[in-house]
C-alpha cells in the first residue's frame, strides 16, 4: 500500500527488454536504504517488486499486463520516474490509499501556467469517467491529487510549486502519457451499482406487468 506522496524522482539507468516484459534498473540512492529483496516500490505509481539491490540501485521486472496499462513501456534510459516506498502501519498518511495497480494511461491535453501553480488537463477513455467527481481523489504517476473539473472524456487538476519541484509532473507537457489509478472505494461503489441495475430493471418490469 502507498499514500501517493512521492518521496523522490530518480533516474532509470538500464532497461532490458525480456520475453513478456522488461526489467528496469533505477538509481535509488538514499531511497534504497534498508530496501529488501521482494520489497514493493511504486515507480510512476506502478507497484513493482525489487528483485536485486546493490550500491543504491534496484532492479524490477515488469510483466506485460503492467506495460500495457502504464507508461513504463515507453521509458528509455535516462528517464526520470516518481518513487515511493511502501508505507508502514502507523505511518502518517498525507495523501490517500493508493494500491499501485494502475488502471490505464491518460494523455496530457493542456498545461496552463497560473501564478504559483499549474493547471493540467488530462484525457482518457470515457469508460473511466464514471469514477471521477470534482474534489475526488486520483493518483497520477503515483501522485495523490485532487480532481478539479470533470468533462466528457477529460478532467483537470492543479499542481502547487512543491509538487512541480518534487515529481515528474513538473517536467511533463502536452502529449505526454501519465499513469492513472482511480480511487478504489469509488470503483467498488460504481461497479456494485452497475451490477445491481439489470436486476432492479427486471423487478420494475415485473411489478409493472402485475
Foldseek 3Di string as FASTA:
>chain_A
DFQQAFPFKWFWADWAADVQWIKTKIQQAPVCVPPDQQFWKQWLLATFGFHDDDDRITMTIDGNVDVQAFCPVVDDGGDMTTIDGHDDPVDDRPAHDRDNHFRHKWFWAAWADDPQKIKTKTFDPQVPLQLDDAQFWKRKRSHIFGWHQGDRGMTMGMGGPVCLVGGPVVVDGGGDMITIDGDPVSVVVVVVVVVCVVVVVVVVVVVVVD
